[in-house]
N, C-alpha and C. Protein backbone atom coordinates (compact mmCIF):
# COMPACT_ATOMS: atom_id res chain seq x y z
N UNK A 1 117.24 71.46 132.44
CA UNK A 1 117.31 72.81 132.40
C UNK A 1 118.12 73.25 131.06
N UNK A 2 117.61 74.27 130.36
CA UNK A 2 117.98 74.80 128.95
C UNK A 2 118.30 76.20 129.10
N UNK A 3 119.54 76.49 128.53
CA UNK A 3 120.10 77.81 128.50
C UNK A 3 119.54 78.58 127.38
N UNK A 4 119.09 79.74 127.52
CA UNK A 4 118.52 80.67 126.45
C UNK A 4 119.45 81.74 126.26
N UNK A 5 119.84 82.09 124.92
CA UNK A 5 120.58 83.25 124.77
C UNK A 5 119.92 84.60 124.82
N UNK A 6 120.39 85.73 125.16
CA UNK A 6 119.91 86.99 125.12
C UNK A 6 118.98 87.32 123.77
N UNK A 7 119.45 86.90 122.65
CA UNK A 7 118.72 87.13 121.40
C UNK A 7 117.63 86.17 121.47
N UNK A 8 117.66 84.98 121.84
CA UNK A 8 116.46 84.10 121.83
C UNK A 8 115.34 84.62 122.97
N UNK A 9 115.97 85.15 124.08
CA UNK A 9 115.08 85.79 124.87
C UNK A 9 114.13 86.81 124.33
N UNK A 10 114.82 88.03 123.57
CA UNK A 10 114.27 88.92 122.94
C UNK A 10 113.19 88.41 121.88
N UNK A 11 113.55 87.54 121.03
CA UNK A 11 112.80 86.90 120.13
C UNK A 11 111.50 86.53 120.60
N UNK A 12 111.57 85.70 122.01
CA UNK A 12 110.31 85.13 122.52
C UNK A 12 109.59 86.32 123.01
N UNK A 13 109.99 87.24 123.51
CA UNK A 13 109.36 88.48 123.97
C UNK A 13 108.59 89.22 123.03
N UNK A 14 109.19 89.15 121.61
CA UNK A 14 108.58 89.80 120.71
C UNK A 14 107.49 89.31 119.71
N UNK A 15 107.26 88.15 120.31
CA UNK A 15 106.28 87.23 119.27
C UNK A 15 104.78 87.81 119.43
N UNK A 16 104.32 88.05 120.65
CA UNK A 16 103.21 88.31 121.19
C UNK A 16 102.64 89.64 120.36
N UNK A 17 103.70 90.71 120.38
CA UNK A 17 103.24 92.06 119.78
C UNK A 17 103.25 92.13 118.38
N UNK A 18 103.73 91.09 117.68
CA UNK A 18 103.58 91.00 116.38
C UNK A 18 102.14 90.77 115.79
N UNK A 19 101.25 90.04 116.57
CA UNK A 19 100.07 89.80 116.03
C UNK A 19 99.31 91.12 116.23
N UNK A 20 99.30 91.96 117.23
CA UNK A 20 98.58 93.07 117.57
C UNK A 20 98.99 94.29 116.45
N UNK A 21 100.51 94.24 116.25
CA UNK A 21 100.97 95.18 115.28
C UNK A 21 100.23 94.92 113.84
N UNK A 22 100.30 93.60 113.53
CA UNK A 22 99.73 93.24 112.25
C UNK A 22 98.01 93.65 112.30
N UNK A 23 97.21 93.43 113.25
CA UNK A 23 95.79 93.87 113.33
C UNK A 23 95.79 95.38 113.42
N UNK A 24 96.86 95.91 114.17
CA UNK A 24 96.87 97.49 114.11
C UNK A 24 96.99 98.06 112.57
N UNK A 25 97.98 97.46 111.74
CA UNK A 25 98.19 97.92 110.42
C UNK A 25 97.19 97.71 109.61
N UNK A 26 96.48 96.54 109.77
CA UNK A 26 95.15 96.34 108.87
C UNK A 26 94.14 97.35 109.16
N UNK A 27 93.79 97.48 110.39
CA UNK A 27 92.75 98.53 110.93
C UNK A 27 93.12 99.85 110.53
N UNK A 28 94.16 100.35 110.51
CA UNK A 28 94.88 101.70 110.14
C UNK A 28 94.53 101.54 108.68
N UNK A 29 94.78 100.74 107.79
CA UNK A 29 94.68 100.83 106.31
C UNK A 29 93.19 100.82 105.93
N UNK A 30 92.32 100.11 106.73
CA UNK A 30 91.03 100.09 106.56
C UNK A 30 90.38 101.55 106.83
N UNK A 31 90.85 102.06 107.88
CA UNK A 31 90.13 103.29 108.37
C UNK A 31 90.59 104.23 107.26
N UNK A 32 91.85 104.40 106.90
CA UNK A 32 92.27 105.37 105.82
C UNK A 32 91.59 105.16 104.52
N UNK A 33 91.40 103.96 104.00
CA UNK A 33 90.66 103.76 102.82
C UNK A 33 89.22 104.03 102.87
N UNK A 34 88.75 103.59 104.07
CA UNK A 34 87.17 104.19 104.01
C UNK A 34 86.95 105.83 104.15
N UNK A 35 88.04 106.49 104.74
CA UNK A 35 88.01 107.82 104.98
C UNK A 35 88.10 108.52 103.46
N UNK A 36 89.12 108.00 102.69
CA UNK A 36 89.39 108.35 101.28
C UNK A 36 87.97 108.29 100.54
N UNK A 37 87.36 107.12 100.54
CA UNK A 37 86.17 106.99 99.72
C UNK A 37 84.99 107.86 100.30
N UNK A 38 84.97 107.96 101.42
CA UNK A 38 83.82 108.94 102.11
C UNK A 38 84.06 110.28 101.69
N UNK A 39 85.56 110.82 101.54
CA UNK A 39 85.70 112.09 101.33
C UNK A 39 85.80 112.59 99.88
N UNK A 40 86.32 111.42 98.86
CA UNK A 40 86.51 111.74 97.60
C UNK A 40 85.49 111.25 96.65
N UNK A 41 84.96 110.26 97.04
CA UNK A 41 83.72 109.65 96.13
C UNK A 41 82.36 110.58 96.20
N UNK A 42 81.69 110.43 95.05
CA UNK A 42 80.32 111.24 95.06
C UNK A 42 79.25 109.81 95.42
N UNK A 43 79.11 110.02 96.68
CA UNK A 43 78.12 108.84 97.35
C UNK A 43 76.86 109.39 97.32
N UNK A 44 75.93 108.23 97.40
CA UNK A 44 74.50 108.50 97.51
C UNK A 44 74.42 108.57 99.12
N UNK A 45 73.10 109.10 99.75
CA UNK A 45 72.91 109.13 101.04
C UNK A 45 73.11 107.76 101.77
N UNK A 46 72.57 106.72 100.97
CA UNK A 46 72.66 105.40 101.37
C UNK A 46 74.11 104.92 101.70
N UNK A 47 74.92 105.15 100.66
CA UNK A 47 76.17 104.65 100.73
C UNK A 47 77.08 105.72 101.83
N UNK A 48 76.77 106.69 101.97
CA UNK A 48 77.34 107.69 102.75
C UNK A 48 76.94 107.08 104.33
N UNK A 49 75.86 106.88 104.54
CA UNK A 49 75.35 106.12 105.77
C UNK A 49 76.10 104.85 106.04
N UNK A 50 76.65 104.12 105.10
CA UNK A 50 77.12 102.90 105.24
C UNK A 50 78.66 103.08 105.34
N UNK A 51 79.17 103.94 104.89
CA UNK A 51 80.80 104.25 104.93
C UNK A 51 81.04 105.06 106.30
N UNK A 52 80.35 105.72 106.84
CA UNK A 52 80.78 106.44 107.84
C UNK A 52 80.86 105.66 108.99
N UNK A 53 79.72 104.75 109.46
CA UNK A 53 80.34 103.49 110.46
C UNK A 53 81.40 102.97 110.20
N UNK A 54 81.43 102.54 108.95
CA UNK A 54 82.94 101.86 108.67
C UNK A 54 84.16 102.59 108.98
N UNK A 55 84.16 103.75 108.94
CA UNK A 55 85.28 104.69 109.16
C UNK A 55 85.30 104.79 110.66
N UNK A 56 84.29 104.83 111.49
CA UNK A 56 84.24 104.94 112.96
C UNK A 56 84.76 103.46 113.61
N UNK A 57 84.27 102.34 112.87
CA UNK A 57 84.40 101.13 113.37
C UNK A 57 85.87 100.70 113.33
N UNK A 58 86.35 101.11 112.00
CA UNK A 58 87.90 100.80 111.94
C UNK A 58 88.78 101.63 112.70
N UNK A 59 88.40 102.86 112.88
CA UNK A 59 89.42 103.76 113.78
C UNK A 59 89.14 103.12 115.36
N UNK A 60 88.05 102.67 115.63
CA UNK A 60 87.92 102.15 116.98
C UNK A 60 89.06 100.80 117.28
N UNK A 61 88.89 100.12 116.05
CA UNK A 61 89.81 98.95 116.10
C UNK A 61 91.39 99.27 115.99
N UNK A 62 91.50 100.30 115.11
CA UNK A 62 92.58 100.84 115.10
C UNK A 62 93.29 101.16 116.52
N UNK A 63 92.64 102.10 117.29
CA UNK A 63 93.11 102.45 118.41
C UNK A 63 93.10 101.30 119.58
N UNK A 64 92.09 100.21 119.44
CA UNK A 64 92.12 99.28 120.21
C UNK A 64 93.62 98.30 120.21
N UNK A 65 93.83 98.07 118.78
CA UNK A 65 94.92 97.13 118.51
C UNK A 65 96.29 97.73 118.75
N UNK A 66 96.48 99.30 118.69
CA UNK A 66 97.56 100.05 119.09
C UNK A 66 97.60 100.00 120.39
N UNK A 67 96.57 100.11 121.27
CA UNK A 67 96.84 100.21 122.84
C UNK A 67 97.12 98.73 123.18
N UNK A 68 96.48 97.63 122.53
CA UNK A 68 96.90 96.38 122.72
C UNK A 68 98.43 95.97 122.55
N UNK A 69 98.88 96.59 121.37
CA UNK A 69 100.23 96.36 121.07
C UNK A 69 101.26 96.84 122.11
N UNK A 70 100.83 98.31 122.52
CA UNK A 70 101.76 98.81 123.55
C UNK A 70 101.81 97.99 124.84
N UNK A 71 100.66 97.75 125.10
CA UNK A 71 100.46 96.96 126.35
C UNK A 71 101.22 95.57 126.58
N UNK A 72 100.97 94.92 125.26
CA UNK A 72 101.53 93.60 125.29
C UNK A 72 103.33 93.95 125.27
N UNK A 73 103.78 94.98 124.41
CA UNK A 73 105.14 95.13 124.39
C UNK A 73 105.48 95.38 125.78
N UNK A 74 105.03 96.24 126.58
CA UNK A 74 105.33 96.43 127.81
C UNK A 74 105.52 95.32 128.68
N UNK A 75 104.47 94.58 128.54
CA UNK A 75 104.51 93.32 129.45
C UNK A 75 105.59 92.52 129.22
N UNK A 76 105.69 91.99 127.95
CA UNK A 76 107.01 91.49 127.27
C UNK A 76 108.22 92.04 127.85
N UNK A 77 108.47 93.29 127.81
CA UNK A 77 109.64 93.86 128.22
C UNK A 77 109.99 93.59 129.66
N UNK A 78 108.87 93.71 130.63
CA UNK A 78 108.81 93.61 132.02
C UNK A 78 109.45 92.08 132.35
N UNK A 79 108.72 91.21 131.57
CA UNK A 79 109.12 89.97 131.76
C UNK A 79 110.27 89.46 131.36
N UNK A 80 110.89 90.14 130.55
CA UNK A 80 112.16 89.84 130.01
C UNK A 80 113.19 90.33 131.09
N UNK A 81 113.03 91.52 131.46
CA UNK A 81 113.66 92.14 132.53
C UNK A 81 113.78 91.16 133.74
N UNK A 82 112.73 90.71 134.23
CA UNK A 82 112.42 89.92 135.44
C UNK A 82 113.40 88.61 135.23
N UNK A 83 113.36 88.20 133.94
CA UNK A 83 114.06 86.80 133.79
C UNK A 83 115.58 87.23 133.78
N UNK A 84 115.84 88.24 133.19
CA UNK A 84 117.39 88.68 133.28
C UNK A 84 118.09 88.99 134.52
N UNK A 85 117.02 89.44 135.54
CA UNK A 85 117.51 89.91 136.81
C UNK A 85 117.51 88.81 137.75
N UNK A 86 116.74 87.60 137.40
CA UNK A 86 116.68 86.29 138.24
C UNK A 86 118.19 85.79 138.60
N UNK A 87 118.49 85.48 139.71
CA UNK A 87 119.65 84.83 139.77
C UNK A 87 119.88 83.48 139.21
N UNK A 88 120.99 83.17 138.79
CA UNK A 88 121.01 81.95 138.04
C UNK A 88 121.10 80.90 139.05
N UNK A 89 120.41 79.65 138.34
CA UNK A 89 120.44 78.47 139.24
C UNK A 89 121.38 77.41 138.72
N UNK A 90 121.72 76.69 139.75
CA UNK A 90 122.81 75.74 139.11
C UNK A 90 122.40 74.19 139.37
């Protein structure tokens, strides 16, 4: 049996959410970048038809990874709470 401090337990619970937040940030940055290009650049109709799906796709990924991060964070918080409330074993 190994004892885990409260700080170590919090660190273990936050590992999974870090990956989702990273992809959330990348998707958000891509969405903003594609949107800026779409609205400010003088694009041909072919280029416009290419950038519009890129904006939509990155916005969908942005929402997906945001929801994934929230769900993972809530799941990790519930798990940590269950571990803390468990009676100590001897």
